[in-house]
Amino acid sequence: MEHAYCAVQHNTEHNHDFVPSTERHHMKSVRKIKEEIGKVIEKIIESGIKPMDIYQFLSNEAGLEEALVNTKRDLLNYVTRYKAEMIEGGDMQSVLDTLQERAYSDSSFLYLLKFGECDQIVSYFWRDSMMLEDYKAFGDVVVFDTTYRTNNYGLIYAPIVGANNH
């Protein structure tokens, strides 16, 4: 059953108070992180500073936390997006370059790549000469698996599991 609505009157007067200027920075329409602040955040991230320390730094620079245009959540979202872009853009290439260098310098170094449906790398394995010797002598194995997701947020659970001759 369809419902039809018809406007019978248009009132241009506001029927509520405006958001006070001290609270406007919480409105979603103004919370986008400005490009110049984003560049500062990116440089700080690259220095290895934790996101909450970045927020504290920006609060100190602004004078008060209330003077910041963005919320903690805005900053954390920005950091998450930026780190995801970094991973997509270059971290895997860095891993592949390192694997190639190790294979070139260590004749016992072995690495294997597993590709998904769209030719993206979904997993990889490596073993160097020391790992091979340890395995032969002791049967030691360490597994680092980040494929198991544990919660609604898609956060990765990364167990490091070791087994040895004991």
Protein backbone atom coordinates (compact mmCIF):
# COMPACT_ATOMS: atom_id res chain seq x y z
CA MET A 1 0.00 0.00 0.00
CA GLU A 2 1.47 3.34 -1.05
CA HIS A 3 1.20 6.48 1.04
CA ALA A 4 1.06 9.89 -0.56
CA TYR A 5 2.10 12.98 1.33
CA CYS A 6 1.23 16.50 0.44
CA ALA A 7 2.88 19.61 1.94
CA VAL A 8 0.18 22.05 2.90
CA GLN A 9 2.32 24.70 4.55
CA HIS A 10 6.00 25.73 4.53
CA ASN A 11 7.24 27.59 7.59
CA THR A 12 10.65 29.26 7.18
CA GLU A 13 10.93 30.17 10.85
CA HIS A 14 13.23 28.02 12.98
CA ASN A 15 11.40 26.01 15.61
CA HIS A 16 14.52 25.24 17.69
CA ASP A 17 17.58 27.01 19.01
CA PHE A 18 20.74 27.05 16.94
CA VAL A 19 23.64 24.90 18.14
CA PRO A 20 25.78 27.05 20.46
CA SER A 21 29.14 28.05 18.94
CA THR A 22 30.95 26.12 21.69
CA GLU A 23 29.28 22.90 20.49
CA ARG A 24 29.33 23.36 16.69
CA HIS A 25 32.56 21.39 16.35
CA HIS A 26 30.58 18.26 17.28
CA MET A 27 28.27 18.58 14.28
CA LYS A 28 29.03 15.95 11.65
CA SER A 29 28.93 18.54 8.87
CA VAL A 30 32.02 20.32 10.24
CA ARG A 31 33.99 17.38 11.64
CA LYS A 32 36.01 16.51 8.52
CA ILE A 33 39.72 16.67 9.33
CA LYS A 34 41.25 19.56 7.43
CA GLU A 35 43.98 18.72 4.92
CA GLU A 36 46.73 20.60 6.78
CA ILE A 37 45.85 18.87 10.08
CA GLY A 38 45.73 15.54 8.23
CA LYS A 39 49.28 16.04 6.95
CA VAL A 40 50.49 16.73 10.51
CA ILE A 41 48.69 13.62 11.77
CA GLU A 42 50.26 11.50 8.99
CA LYS A 43 53.78 12.70 9.82
CA ILE A 44 53.23 11.98 13.51
CA ILE A 45 51.88 8.48 12.68
CA GLU A 46 54.99 7.80 10.59
CA SER A 47 57.07 8.71 13.65
CA GLY A 48 55.42 5.87 15.57
CA ILE A 49 53.42 8.03 17.99
CA LYS A 50 50.20 6.45 19.34
CA PRO A 51 46.86 7.91 18.16
CA MET A 52 45.77 9.06 21.65
CA ASP A 53 49.13 10.82 22.09
CA ILE A 54 48.50 12.54 18.75
CA TYR A 55 45.10 13.68 20.03
CA GLN A 56 46.70 14.99 23.24
CA PHE A 57 49.33 16.84 21.20
CA LEU A 58 46.68 18.45 18.98
CA SER A 59 44.65 19.39 22.07
CA ASN A 60 47.71 21.04 23.60
CA GLU A 61 48.43 22.92 20.37
CA ALA A 62 44.81 24.14 20.19
CA GLY A 63 44.97 25.27 23.82
CA LEU A 64 42.02 23.19 25.04
CA GLU A 65 40.44 19.92 23.99
CA GLU A 66 37.21 21.86 23.42
CA ALA A 67 39.03 24.11 20.92
CA LEU A 68 39.70 21.17 18.60
CA VAL A 69 37.32 20.97 15.69
CA ASN A 70 37.56 17.17 15.60
CA THR A 71 36.65 14.54 18.17
CA LYS A 72 38.79 11.62 19.34
CA ARG A 73 36.65 9.34 17.17
CA ASP A 74 37.36 11.53 14.11
CA LEU A 75 41.08 11.25 14.77
CA LEU A 76 40.96 7.48 15.31
CA ASN A 77 38.93 7.04 12.11
CA TYR A 78 41.45 9.16 10.20
CA VAL A 79 44.39 7.15 11.60
CA THR A 80 42.67 3.85 10.72
CA ARG A 81 41.97 4.98 7.14
CA TYR A 82 45.52 6.31 6.71
CA LYS A 83 47.12 3.11 8.00
CA ALA A 84 44.88 1.02 5.72
CA GLU A 85 46.00 3.11 2.74
CA MET A 86 49.64 2.64 3.75
CA ILE A 87 49.18 -1.13 3.87
CA GLU A 88 47.38 -1.24 0.52
CA GLY A 89 49.94 0.98 -1.10
CA GLY A 90 53.28 -0.34 -0.02
CA ASP A 91 53.70 -2.65 2.94
CA MET A 92 53.28 -5.84 0.92
CA GLN A 93 55.76 -4.64 -1.66
CA SER A 94 58.22 -4.01 1.15
CA VAL A 95 57.66 -7.57 2.42
CA LEU A 96 58.23 -8.99 -1.07
CA ASP A 97 61.41 -6.95 -1.50
CA THR A 98 62.72 -8.23 1.84
CA LEU A 99 61.90 -11.84 0.93
CA GLN A 100 63.73 -11.45 -2.39
CA GLU A 101 66.80 -9.95 -0.70
CA ARG A 102 66.91 -12.75 1.86
CA ALA A 103 66.54 -15.41 -0.86
CA TYR A 104 69.41 -13.81 -2.77
CA SER A 105 71.74 -13.71 0.26
CA ASP A 106 70.81 -17.09 1.86
CA SER A 107 70.76 -20.16 -0.39
CA SER A 108 68.67 -22.09 2.17
CA PHE A 109 66.05 -19.32 2.37
CA LEU A 110 62.68 -20.42 1.06
CA TYR A 111 59.49 -18.46 0.68
CA LEU A 112 56.14 -19.37 -0.79
CA LEU A 113 53.25 -17.10 -1.72
CA LYS A 114 49.57 -18.03 -1.93
CA PHE A 115 47.39 -15.94 -4.24
CA GLY A 116 43.64 -15.33 -4.05
CA GLU A 117 41.04 -15.10 -6.79
CA CYS A 118 42.03 -11.58 -7.86
CA ASP A 119 45.79 -12.30 -7.84
CA GLN A 120 46.25 -10.65 -4.44
CA ILE A 121 48.58 -12.30 -1.93
CA VAL A 122 46.49 -13.97 0.77
CA SER A 123 49.29 -15.68 2.71
CA TYR A 124 52.99 -16.33 2.65
CA PHE A 125 55.52 -18.61 4.32
CA TRP A 126 59.25 -18.25 4.79
CA ARG A 127 62.08 -20.26 6.25
CA ASP A 128 65.72 -19.24 6.55
CA SER A 129 68.79 -21.46 7.13
CA MET A 130 68.71 -21.01 10.93
CA MET A 131 65.05 -21.98 11.09
CA LEU A 132 65.81 -25.07 9.03
CA GLU A 133 68.67 -26.09 11.35
CA ASP A 134 66.52 -25.51 14.46
CA TYR A 135 63.76 -27.60 12.98
CA LYS A 136 66.17 -30.43 12.11
CA ALA A 137 67.73 -30.37 15.60
CA PHE A 138 64.71 -29.68 17.80
CA GLY A 139 61.54 -29.83 15.71
CA ASP A 140 60.73 -26.21 16.71
CA VAL A 141 57.89 -24.55 14.84
CA VAL A 142 56.36 -21.10 15.25
CA VAL A 143 53.10 -20.16 13.54
CA PHE A 144 51.83 -16.59 13.22
CA ASP A 145 48.30 -16.61 11.83
CA THR A 146 46.28 -13.42 11.27
CA THR A 147 43.42 -14.98 9.33
CA TYR A 148 41.11 -15.52 12.30
CA ARG A 149 38.78 -12.55 12.94
CA THR A 150 37.24 -12.36 16.37
CA ASN A 151 34.65 -9.63 16.53
CA ASN A 152 32.10 -7.42 14.79
CA TYR A 153 34.70 -4.73 14.14
CA GLY A 154 36.86 -6.99 11.96
CA LEU A 155 39.80 -6.65 14.34
CA ILE A 156 42.43 -9.28 13.71
CA TYR A 157 43.33 -11.81 16.35
CA ALA A 158 46.97 -12.78 15.77
CA PRO A 159 48.09 -15.75 17.87
CA ILE A 160 51.76 -16.67 17.87
CA VAL A 161 51.90 -20.39 18.51
CA GLY A 162 55.13 -22.24 19.17
CA ALA A 163 55.89 -25.93 19.43
CA ASN A 164 59.25 -27.43 20.32
CA ASN A 165 60.86 -30.71 21.39
CA HIS A 166 59.66 -30.29 25.00
